């Protein structure tokens, strides 16, 4: 079940917000319609993915990846002052 889109009309948005706040409208549940087992499996894979990838790389490959990451993070910075 996809999440409901936010209405563009200000009055409709206000109506929805008041309805949720007063309990007249059901609150949006982002996990509605998802398979809990699939969500758990995805989380497990995400937790171990980086460690498994790092263990598979050689020391040179890890160093190169770290240098690329540092360049991407800090390369465009100009001295502030």
Protein backbone atom coordinates (compact mmCIF):
# COMPACT_ATOMS: atom_id res chain seq x y z
CA UNK A 1 0.00 0.00 0.00
CA UNK A 2 1.71 3.22 -1.13
CA UNK A 3 1.78 6.18 1.18
CA UNK A 4 -0.96 8.73 0.58
CA UNK A 5 0.21 11.83 -1.18
CA UNK A 6 0.11 15.11 0.66
CA UNK A 7 -2.68 17.27 -0.76
CA UNK A 8 -1.58 20.39 -2.61
CA UNK A 9 -4.57 22.39 -1.46
CA UNK A 10 -3.83 24.08 1.86
CA UNK A 11 -7.38 23.57 3.11
CA UNK A 12 -7.32 19.84 2.36
CA UNK A 13 -3.95 19.51 4.09
CA UNK A 14 -5.29 21.36 7.13
CA UNK A 15 -8.36 19.10 7.18
CA UNK A 16 -6.18 15.99 7.10
CA UNK A 17 -3.89 17.27 9.86
CA UNK A 18 -6.81 18.22 12.11
CA UNK A 19 -8.44 14.85 11.43
CA UNK A 20 -5.25 13.02 12.45
CA UNK A 21 -4.76 15.21 15.52
CA UNK A 22 -8.31 14.74 16.78
CA UNK A 23 -8.45 11.04 15.98
CA UNK A 24 -11.15 11.37 13.33
CA UNK A 25 -8.82 10.13 10.59
CA UNK A 26 -6.47 7.15 10.86
CA UNK A 27 -2.82 8.09 11.24
CA UNK A 28 -0.47 7.12 8.44
CA UNK A 29 1.48 3.95 9.16
CA UNK A 30 4.60 3.72 6.94
CA UNK A 31 4.94 -0.02 7.64
CA UNK A 32 1.41 -0.90 6.59
CA UNK A 33 1.37 -3.46 3.81
CA UNK A 34 5.00 -4.54 4.25
CA UNK A 35 6.01 -8.10 4.93
CA UNK A 36 7.71 -8.06 8.38
CA UNK A 37 9.90 -11.05 7.48
CA UNK A 38 11.21 -9.30 4.36
CA UNK A 39 11.88 -6.11 6.32
CA UNK A 40 13.87 -8.07 8.90
CA UNK A 41 15.90 -9.87 6.23
CA UNK A 42 16.73 -6.56 4.54
CA UNK A 43 17.91 -5.08 7.81
CA UNK A 44 20.12 -8.10 8.53
CA UNK A 45 21.76 -7.81 5.13
CA UNK A 46 22.37 -4.10 5.61
CA UNK A 47 23.99 -4.64 8.99
CA UNK A 48 26.58 -7.08 7.74
CA UNK A 49 27.11 -5.83 4.17
CA UNK A 50 29.85 -3.27 4.84
CA UNK A 51 31.87 -5.61 7.03
CA UNK A 52 31.62 -8.43 4.50
CA UNK A 53 32.70 -6.13 1.67
CA UNK A 54 35.66 -4.78 3.67
CA UNK A 55 36.79 -8.31 4.54
CA UNK A 56 36.71 -9.27 0.86
CA UNK A 57 38.89 -6.34 -0.28
CA UNK A 58 42.66 -6.34 -0.17
CA UNK A 59 44.54 -3.73 1.87
CA UNK A 60 45.35 -1.78 -1.31
CA UNK A 61 41.72 -1.80 -2.43
CA UNK A 62 40.51 -0.63 1.00
CA UNK A 63 43.09 2.17 0.98
CA UNK A 64 42.04 3.28 -2.51
CA UNK A 65 38.38 3.26 -1.48
CA UNK A 66 39.17 5.31 1.62
CA UNK A 67 41.12 7.85 -0.46
CA UNK A 68 38.20 8.19 -2.90
CA UNK A 69 35.80 8.65 -0.01
CA UNK A 70 37.97 11.32 1.59
CA UNK A 71 38.32 13.12 -1.74
CA UNK A 72 34.56 13.03 -2.26
CA UNK A 73 33.97 14.30 1.27
CA UNK A 74 36.70 16.90 1.60
CA UNK A 75 37.93 17.56 -1.96
CA UNK A 76 35.72 20.55 -2.78
CA UNK A 77 36.38 22.39 0.46
CA UNK A 78 38.11 25.69 0.12
CA UNK A 79 39.93 27.30 3.00
CA UNK A 80 37.48 29.31 5.03
CA UNK A 81 38.57 32.59 6.37
